[in-house]
Amino acid sequence: MKSPQVKCPTCKKRGPWFDGKFGPFCSKRCRLIDLGKWLGEEHAISEPLRPGHLEKFADLPPGSDLDQPQTD
Protein backbone atom coordinates (compact mmCIF):
# COMPACT_ATOMS: atom_id res chain seq x y z
CA MET A 1 0.00 0.00 0.00
CA LYS A 2 1.39 3.40 -0.98
CA SER A 3 1.52 6.18 1.53
CA PRO A 4 -0.52 9.34 0.95
CA GLN A 5 1.04 12.47 -0.52
CA VAL A 6 2.29 14.61 2.38
CA LYS A 7 4.30 17.82 2.71
CA CYS A 8 7.91 17.55 3.79
CA PRO A 9 8.03 19.40 7.16
CA THR A 10 11.20 21.26 6.09
CA CYS A 11 10.90 22.23 2.41
CA LYS A 12 7.11 21.74 1.98
CA LYS A 13 7.44 19.68 -1.24
CA ARG A 14 4.60 17.16 -1.62
CA GLY A 15 5.26 13.49 -2.20
CA PRO A 16 4.88 9.96 -0.79
CA TRP A 17 7.64 10.62 1.75
CA PHE A 18 6.57 7.85 4.15
CA ASP A 19 7.49 5.33 1.42
CA GLY A 20 11.15 6.43 1.53
CA LYS A 21 13.76 5.90 4.19
CA PHE A 22 13.66 9.54 5.37
CA GLY A 23 9.86 9.87 5.85
CA PRO A 24 8.19 12.18 6.67
CA PHE A 25 11.06 14.17 5.16
CA CYS A 26 11.79 14.09 1.43
CA SER A 27 15.56 13.74 1.87
CA LYS A 28 18.40 13.27 4.32
CA ARG A 29 19.18 16.98 3.95
CA CYS A 30 15.67 18.02 5.11
CA ARG A 31 15.82 15.54 7.99
CA LEU A 32 19.16 16.97 9.17
CA ILE A 33 17.90 20.56 8.89
CA ASP A 34 14.99 19.64 11.17
CA LEU A 35 17.30 17.89 13.65
CA GLY A 36 19.49 21.00 13.73
CA LYS A 37 16.46 23.13 14.62
CA TRP A 38 15.64 20.83 17.55
CA LEU A 39 19.25 20.80 18.75
CA GLY A 40 19.52 24.58 18.37
CA GLU A 41 16.26 24.95 20.35
CA GLU A 42 14.51 26.69 17.44
CA HIS A 43 11.92 23.88 17.77
CA ALA A 44 10.67 23.10 21.27
CA ILE A 45 7.76 21.42 23.01
CA SER A 46 5.75 24.31 24.39
CA GLU A 47 4.43 22.63 27.52
CA PRO A 48 4.72 19.29 29.31
CA LEU A 49 2.09 16.63 28.54
CA ARG A 50 -0.61 16.32 31.16
CA PRO A 51 -3.12 13.45 31.53
CA GLY A 52 -5.85 15.77 30.19
CA HIS A 53 -4.08 15.97 26.82
CA LEU A 54 -4.70 12.26 26.28
CA GLU A 55 -8.31 11.97 27.50
CA LYS A 56 -9.79 12.19 23.99
CA PHE A 57 -7.80 9.07 23.03
CA ALA A 58 -8.85 6.94 26.04
CA ASP A 59 -11.62 5.08 24.17
CA LEU A 60 -9.56 4.14 21.11
CA PRO A 61 -9.24 0.39 20.56
CA PRO A 62 -5.74 -1.10 20.66
CA GLY A 63 -4.15 -2.00 17.34
CA SER A 64 -1.25 -1.42 15.00
CA ASP A 65 -3.50 0.59 12.65
CA LEU A 66 -3.23 3.51 15.09
CA ASP A 67 0.42 3.95 14.08
CA GLN A 68 -0.44 4.61 10.42
CA PRO A 69 -0.32 8.22 9.12
CA GLN A 70 -3.68 9.93 8.68
CA THR A 71 -4.85 10.89 5.23
CA ASP A 72 -6.20 14.34 4.40
PDB file of N, CA and C in Angstrom:
ATOM      1  N   MET A   1       0.840  -1.179   0.000  1.00  0.00           N
ATOM      2  CA  MET A   1       0.000   0.000   0.000  1.00  0.00           C
ATOM      3  C   MET A   1       0.886   1.244   0.000  1.00  0.00           C
ATOM      4  N   LYS A   2       0.620   2.157  -0.914  1.00  0.00           N
ATOM      5  CA  LYS A   2       1.387   3.396  -0.983  1.00  0.00           C
ATOM      6  C   LYS A   2       0.916   4.390   0.063  1.00  0.00           C
ATOM      7  N   SER A   3       1.845   5.143   0.565  1.00  0.00           N
ATOM      8  CA  SER A   3       1.518   6.183   1.525  1.00  0.00           C
ATOM      9  C   SER A   3       0.869   7.369   0.820  1.00  0.00           C
ATOM     10  N   PRO A   4       0.096   8.157   1.552  1.00  0.00           N
ATOM     11  CA  PRO A   4      -0.520   9.337   0.951  1.00  0.00           C
ATOM     12  C   PRO A   4       0.528  10.407   0.645  1.00  0.00           C
ATOM     13  N   GLN A   5       0.186  11.329  -0.218  1.00  0.00           N
ATOM     14  CA  GLN A   5       1.042  12.473  -0.516  1.00  0.00           C
ATOM     15  C   GLN A   5       1.019  13.403   0.705  1.00  0.00           C
ATOM     16  N   VAL A   6       2.180  13.710   1.229  1.00  0.00           N
ATOM     17  CA  VAL A   6       2.293  14.612   2.382  1.00  0.00           C
ATOM     18  C   VAL A   6       3.332  15.676   2.079  1.00  0.00           C
ATOM     19  N   LYS A   7       3.297  16.759   2.848  1.00  0.00           N
ATOM     20  CA  LYS A   7       4.305  17.823   2.709  1.00  0.00           C
ATOM     21  C   LYS A   7       5.508  17.507   3.571  1.00  0.00           C
ATOM     22  N   CYS A   8       6.693  17.672   3.012  1.00  0.00           N
ATOM     23  CA  CYS A   8       7.915  17.554   3.791  1.00  0.00           C
ATOM     24  C   CYS A   8       7.873  18.674   4.839  1.00  0.00           C
ATOM     25  N   PRO A   9       8.089  18.368   6.123  1.00  0.00           N
ATOM     26  CA  PRO A   9       8.033  19.402   7.155  1.00  0.00           C
ATOM     27  C   PRO A   9       9.058  20.523   6.966  1.00  0.00           C
ATOM     28  N   THR A  10      10.141  20.263   6.251  1.00  0.00           N
ATOM     29  CA  THR A  10      11.196  21.264   6.088  1.00  0.00           C
ATOM     30  C   THR A  10      11.012  22.112   4.838  1.00  0.00           C
ATOM     31  N   CYS A  11      10.937  21.470   3.670  1.00  0.00           N
ATOM     32  CA  CYS A  11      10.902  22.231   2.410  1.00  0.00           C
ATOM     33  C   CYS A  11       9.500  22.380   1.835  1.00  0.00           C
ATOM     34  N   LYS A  12       8.528  21.674   2.373  1.00  0.00           N
ATOM     35  CA  LYS A  12       7.112  21.740   1.983  1.00  0.00           C
ATOM     36  C   LYS A  12       6.800  21.115   0.632  1.00  0.00           C
ATOM     37  N   LYS A  13       7.757  20.403   0.004  1.00  0.00           N
ATOM     38  CA  LYS A  13       7.443  19.680  -1.239  1.00  0.00           C
ATOM     39  C   LYS A  13       6.495  18.533  -0.907  1.00  0.00           C
ATOM     40  N   ARG A  14       5.560  18.255  -1.808  1.00  0.00           N
ATOM     41  CA  ARG A  14       4.605  17.160  -1.617  1.00  0.00           C
ATOM     42  C   ARG A  14       5.116  15.900  -2.288  1.00  0.00           C
ATOM     43  N   GLY A  15       4.874  14.769  -1.641  1.00  0.00           N
ATOM     44  CA  GLY A  15       5.260  13.490  -2.202  1.00  0.00           C
ATOM     45  C   GLY A  15       4.916  12.365  -1.250  1.00  0.00           C
ATOM     46  N   PRO A  16       5.147  11.125  -1.653  1.00  0.00           N
ATOM     47  CA  PRO A  16       4.878   9.963  -0.790  1.00  0.00           C
ATOM     48  C   PRO A  16       6.058   9.695   0.150  1.00  0.00           C
ATOM     49  N   TRP A  17       6.404  10.668   0.963  1.00  0.00           N
ATOM     50  CA  TRP A  17       7.639  10.618   1.747  1.00  0.00           C
ATOM     51  C   TRP A  17       7.682   9.479   2.748  1.00  0.00           C
ATOM     52  N   PHE A  18       6.546   8.967   3.195  1.00  0.00           N
ATOM     53  CA  PHE A  18       6.566   7.849   4.145  1.00  0.00           C
ATOM     54  C   PHE A  18       7.015   6.552   3.470  1.00  0.00           C
ATOM     55  N   ASP A  19       7.010   6.516   2.142  1.00  0.00           N
ATOM     56  CA  ASP A  19       7.492   5.334   1.420  1.00  0.00           C
ATOM     57  C   ASP A  19       9.019   5.268   1.399  1.00  0.00           C
ATOM     58  N   GLY A  20       9.688   6.385   1.574  1.00  0.00           N
ATOM     59  CA  GLY A  20      11.151   6.432   1.527  1.00  0.00           C
ATOM     60  C   GLY A  20      11.767   6.221   2.889  1.00  0.00           C
ATOM     61  N   LYS A  21      13.088   6.172   2.922  1.00  0.00           N
ATOM     62  CA  LYS A  21      13.763   5.904   4.191  1.00  0.00           C
ATOM     63  C   LYS A  21      13.908   7.140   5.077  1.00  0.00           C
ATOM     64  N   PHE A  22      13.534   8.319   4.570  1.00  0.00           N
ATOM     65  CA  PHE A  22      13.656   9.541   5.368  1.00  0.00           C
ATOM     66  C   PHE A  22      12.310  10.086   5.838  1.00  0.00           C
ATOM     67  N   GLY A  23      11.206   9.392   5.527  1.00  0.00           N
ATOM     68  CA  GLY A  23       9.861   9.870   5.849  1.00  0.00           C
ATOM     69  C   GLY A  23       9.731  10.319   7.287  1.00  0.00           C
ATOM     70  N   PRO A  24       9.041  11.393   7.550  1.00  0.00           N
ATOM     71  CA  PRO A  24       8.191  12.176   6.670  1.00  0.00           C
ATOM     72  C   PRO A  24       8.947  13.216   5.842  1.00  0.00           C
ATOM     73  N   PHE A  25      10.261  13.210   5.916  1.00  0.00           N
ATOM     74  CA  PHE A  25      11.065  14.171   5.155  1.00  0.00           C
ATOM     75  C   PHE A  25      11.339  13.632   3.767  1.00  0.00           C
ATOM     76  N   CYS A  26      11.559  14.522   2.802  1.00  0.00           N
ATOM     77  CA  CYS A  26      11.794  14.088   1.429  1.00  0.00           C
ATOM     78  C   CYS A  26      13.238  13.640   1.212  1.00  0.00           C
ATOM     79  N   SER A  27      14.154  14.057   2.075  1.00  0.00           N
ATOM     80  CA  SER A  27      15.564  13.740   1.867  1.00  0.00           C
ATOM     81  C   SER A  27      16.318  13.748   3.192  1.00  0.00           C
ATOM     82  N   LYS A  28      17.526  13.235   3.142  1.00  0.00           N
ATOM     83  CA  LYS A  28      18.396  13.268   4.319  1.00  0.00           C
ATOM     84  C   LYS A  28      18.701  14.713   4.708  1.00  0.00           C
ATOM     85  N   ARG A  29      18.886  15.572   3.703  1.00  0.00           N
ATOM     86  CA  ARG A  29      19.178  16.981   3.955  1.00  0.00           C
ATOM     87  C   ARG A  29      18.062  17.627   4.785  1.00  0.00           C
ATOM     88  N   CYS A  30      16.794  17.423   4.372  1.00  0.00           N
ATOM     89  CA  CYS A  30      15.674  18.017   5.113  1.00  0.00           C
ATOM     90  C   CYS A  30      15.574  17.440   6.521  1.00  0.00           C
ATOM     91  N   ARG A  31      15.861  16.156   6.664  1.00  0.00           N
ATOM     92  CA  ARG A  31      15.822  15.537   7.994  1.00  0.00           C
ATOM     93  C   ARG A  31      16.882  16.160   8.906  1.00  0.00           C
ATOM     94  N   LEU A  32      18.084  16.383   8.373  1.00  0.00           N
ATOM     95  CA  LEU A  32      19.159  16.968   9.173  1.00  0.00           C
ATOM     96  C   LEU A  32      18.892  18.438   9.507  1.00  0.00           C
ATOM     97  N   ILE A  33      18.272  19.166   8.605  1.00  0.00           N
ATOM     98  CA  ILE A  33      17.903  20.561   8.893  1.00  0.00           C
ATOM     99  C   ILE A  33      16.943  20.594  10.080  1.00  0.00           C
ATOM    100  N   ASP A  34      15.946  19.698  10.071  1.00  0.00           N
ATOM    101  CA  ASP A  34      14.986  19.645  11.171  1.00  0.00           C
ATOM    102  C   ASP A  34      15.672  19.272  12.481  1.00  0.00           C
ATOM    103  N   LEU A  35      16.564  18.289  12.447  1.00  0.00           N
ATOM    104  CA  LEU A  35      17.303  17.890  13.651  1.00  0.00           C
ATOM    105  C   LEU A  35      18.097  19.077  14.196  1.00  0.00           C
ATOM    106  N   GLY A  36      18.726  19.830  13.306  1.00  0.00           N
ATOM    107  CA  GLY A  36      19.486  21.002  13.733  1.00  0.00           C
ATOM    108  C   GLY A  36      18.619  22.031  14.432  1.00  0.00           C
ATOM    109  N   LYS A  37      17.379  22.174  13.968  1.00  0.00           N
ATOM    110  CA  LYS A  37      16.462  23.126  14.617  1.00  0.00           C
ATOM    111  C   LYS A  37      16.092  22.665  16.023  1.00  0.00           C
ATOM    112  N   TRP A  38      15.919  21.341  16.205  1.00  0.00           N
ATOM    113  CA  TRP A  38      15.645  20.830  17.547  1.00  0.00           C
ATOM    114  C   TRP A  38      16.859  21.011  18.450  1.00  0.00           C
ATOM    115  N   LEU A  39      18.033  20.684  17.944  1.00  0.00           N
ATOM    116  CA  LEU A  39      19.254  20.801  18.754  1.00  0.00           C
ATOM    117  C   LEU A  39      19.593  22.248  19.064  1.00  0.00           C
ATOM    118  N   GLY A  40      19.274  23.158  18.146  1.00  0.00           N
ATOM    119  CA  GLY A  40      19.518  24.577  18.366  1.00  0.00           C
ATOM    120  C   GLY A  40      18.396  25.268  19.132  1.00  0.00           C
ATOM    121  N   GLU A  41      17.417  24.486  19.575  1.00  0.00           N
ATOM    122  CA  GLU A  41      16.263  24.949  20.354  1.00  0.00           C
ATOM    123  C   GLU A  41      15.382  25.930  19.593  1.00  0.00           C
ATOM    124  N   GLU A  42      15.455  25.907  18.248  1.00  0.00           N
ATOM    125  CA  GLU A  42      14.507  26.687  17.444  1.00  0.00           C
ATOM    126  C   GLU A  42      13.133  26.011  17.498  1.00  0.00           C
ATOM    127  N   HIS A  43      13.134  24.658  17.537  1.00  0.00           N
ATOM    128  CA  HIS A  43      11.922  23.880  17.771  1.00  0.00           C
ATOM    129  C   HIS A  43      11.932  23.488  19.245  1.00  0.00           C
ATOM    130  N   ALA A  44      10.768  23.515  19.872  1.00  0.00           N
ATOM    131  CA  ALA A  44      10.672  23.103  21.272  1.00  0.00           C
ATOM    132  C   ALA A  44       9.245  22.675  21.573  1.00  0.00           C
ATOM    133  N   ILE A  45       9.094  21.806  22.541  1.00  0.00           N
ATOM    134  CA  ILE A  45       7.764  21.424  23.005  1.00  0.00           C
ATOM    135  C   ILE A  45       7.322  22.512  23.960  1.00  0.00           C
ATOM    136  N   SER A  46       6.176  23.108  23.679  1.00  0.00           N
ATOM    137  CA  SER A  46       5.755  24.311  24.395  1.00  0.00           C
ATOM    138  C   SER A  46       5.349  24.079  25.839  1.00  0.00           C
ATOM    139  N   GLU A  47       4.822  22.914  26.142  1.00  0.00           N
ATOM    140  CA  GLU A  47       4.428  22.633  27.519  1.00  0.00           C
ATOM    141  C   GLU A  47       4.474  21.129  27.764  1.00  0.00           C
ATOM    142  N   PRO A  48       4.679  20.722  29.010  1.00  0.00           N
ATOM    143  CA  PRO A  48       4.716  19.287  29.308  1.00  0.00           C
ATOM    144  C   PRO A  48       3.348  18.642  29.077  1.00  0.00           C
ATOM    145  N   LEU A  49       3.343  17.360  28.689  1.00  0.00           N
ATOM    146  CA  LEU A  49       2.087  16.629  28.537  1.00  0.00           C
ATOM    147  C   LEU A  49       1.457  16.403  29.899  1.00  0.00           C
ATOM    148  N   ARG A  50       0.163  16.586  29.954  1.00  0.00           N
ATOM    149  CA  ARG A  50      -0.612  16.319  31.162  1.00  0.00           C
ATOM    150  C   ARG A  50      -1.625  15.227  30.817  1.00  0.00           C
ATOM    151  N   PRO A  51      -2.136  14.505  31.811  1.00  0.00           N
ATOM    152  CA  PRO A  51      -3.122  13.453  31.530  1.00  0.00           C
ATOM    153  C   PRO A  51      -4.315  13.963  30.725  1.00  0.00           C
ATOM    154  N   GLY A  52      -4.715  15.192  30.913  1.00  0.00           N
ATOM    155  CA  GLY A  52      -5.852  15.766  30.189  1.00  0.00           C
ATOM    156  C   GLY A  52      -5.635  15.837  28.686  1.00  0.00           C
ATOM    157  N   HIS A  53      -4.377  15.936  28.254  1.00  0.00           N
ATOM    158  CA  HIS A  53      -4.082  15.971  26.824  1.00  0.00           C
ATOM    159  C   HIS A  53      -4.472  14.671  26.130  1.00  0.00           C
ATOM    160  N   LEU A  54      -4.474  13.574  26.870  1.00  0.00           N
ATOM    161  CA  LEU A  54      -4.701  12.262  26.278  1.00  0.00           C
ATOM    162  C   LEU A  54      -6.110  11.730  26.480  1.00  0.00           C
ATOM    163  N   GLU A  55      -6.956  12.457  27.196  1.00  0.00           N
ATOM    164  CA  GLU A  55      -8.305  11.969  27.499  1.00  0.00           C
ATOM    165  C   GLU A  55      -9.116  11.644  26.252  1.00  0.00           C
ATOM    166  N   LYS A  56      -8.978  12.438  25.192  1.00  0.00           N
ATOM    167  CA  LYS A  56      -9.788  12.188  23.994  1.00  0.00           C
ATOM    168  C   LYS A  56      -9.389  10.893  23.286  1.00  0.00           C
ATOM    169  N   PHE A  57      -8.249  10.304  23.645  1.00  0.00           N
ATOM    170  CA  PHE A  57      -7.796   9.066  23.033  1.00  0.00           C
ATOM    171  C   PHE A  57      -8.070   7.839  23.909  1.00  0.00           C
ATOM    172  N   ALA A  58      -8.656   8.023  25.075  1.00  0.00           N
ATOM    173  CA  ALA A  58      -8.847   6.936  26.037  1.00  0.00           C
ATOM    174  C   ALA A  58      -9.715   5.805  25.499  1.00  0.00           C
ATOM    175  N   ASP A  59     -10.687   6.097  24.653  1.00  0.00           N
ATOM    176  CA  ASP A  59     -11.618   5.079  24.167  1.00  0.00           C
ATOM    177  C   ASP A  59     -11.185   4.417  22.864  1.00  0.00           C
ATOM    178  N   LEU A  60     -10.018   4.754  22.354  1.00  0.00           N
ATOM    179  CA  LEU A  60      -9.556   4.136  21.109  1.00  0.00           C
ATOM    180  C   LEU A  60      -9.215   2.667  21.341  1.00  0.00           C
ATOM    181  N   PRO A  61      -9.580   1.804  20.400  1.00  0.00           N
ATOM    182  CA  PRO A  61      -9.235   0.393  20.562  1.00  0.00           C
ATOM    183  C   PRO A  61      -7.744   0.189  20.312  1.00  0.00           C
ATOM    184  N   PRO A  62      -7.153  -0.833  20.924  1.00  0.00           N
ATOM    185  CA  PRO A  62      -5.741  -1.101  20.658  1.00  0.00           C
ATOM    186  C   PRO A  62      -5.576  -1.643  19.241  1.00  0.00           C
ATOM    187  N   GLY A  63      -4.405  -1.443  18.663  1.00  0.00           N
ATOM    188  CA  GLY A  63      -4.146  -2.001  17.339  1.00  0.00           C
ATOM    189  C   GLY A  63      -3.029  -1.275  16.626  1.00  0.00           C
ATOM    190  N   SER A  64      -2.373  -1.995  15.744  1.00  0.00           N
ATOM    191  CA  SER A  64      -1.252  -1.417  14.996  1.00  0.00           C
ATOM    192  C   SER A  64      -1.720  -0.373  13.994  1.00  0.00           C
ATOM    193  N   ASP A  65      -3.010  -0.394  13.613  1.00  0.00           N
ATOM    194  CA  ASP A  65      -3.502   0.587  12.651  1.00  0.00           C
ATOM    195  C   ASP A  65      -3.436   2.013  13.195  1.00  0.00           C
ATOM    196  N   LEU A  66      -3.305   2.172  14.494  1.00  0.00           N
ATOM    197  CA  LEU A  66      -3.226   3.510  15.089  1.00  0.00           C
ATOM    198  C   LEU A  66      -1.888   4.178  14.778  1.00  0.00           C
ATOM    199  N   ASP A  67      -0.895   3.396  14.386  1.00  0.00           N
ATOM    200  CA  ASP A  67       0.420   3.946  14.081  1.00  0.00           C
ATOM    201  C   ASP A  67       0.565   4.362  12.619  1.00  0.00           C
ATOM    202  N   GLN A  68      -0.491   4.239  11.831  1.00  0.00           N
ATOM    203  CA  GLN A  68      -0.439   4.609  10.424  1.00  0.00           C
ATOM    204  C   GLN A  68      -0.719   6.102  10.268  1.00  0.00           C
ATOM    205  N   PRO A  69      -0.057   6.788   9.320  1.00  0.00           N
ATOM    206  CA  PRO A  69      -0.325   8.216   9.123  1.00  0.00           C
ATOM    207  C   PRO A  69      -1.754   8.453   8.664  1.00  0.00           C
ATOM    208  N   GLN A  70      -2.323   9.567   9.089  1.00  0.00           N
ATOM    209  CA  GLN A  70      -3.676   9.934   8.678  1.00  0.00           C
ATOM    210  C   GLN A  70      -3.647  10.497   7.270  1.00  0.00           C
ATOM    211  N   THR A  71      -4.726  10.288   6.549  1.00  0.00           N
ATOM    212  CA  THR A  71      -4.847  10.889   5.225  1.00  0.00           C
ATOM    213  C   THR A  71      -5.671  12.155   5.331  1.00  0.00           C
ATOM    214  N   ASP A  72      -5.461  13.057   4.388  1.00  0.00           N
ATOM    215  CA  ASP A  72      -6.202  14.335   4.401  1.00  0.00           C
ATOM    216  C   ASP A  72      -7.633  14.142   4.016  1.00  0.00           C
TER     217      ASP A  72
END
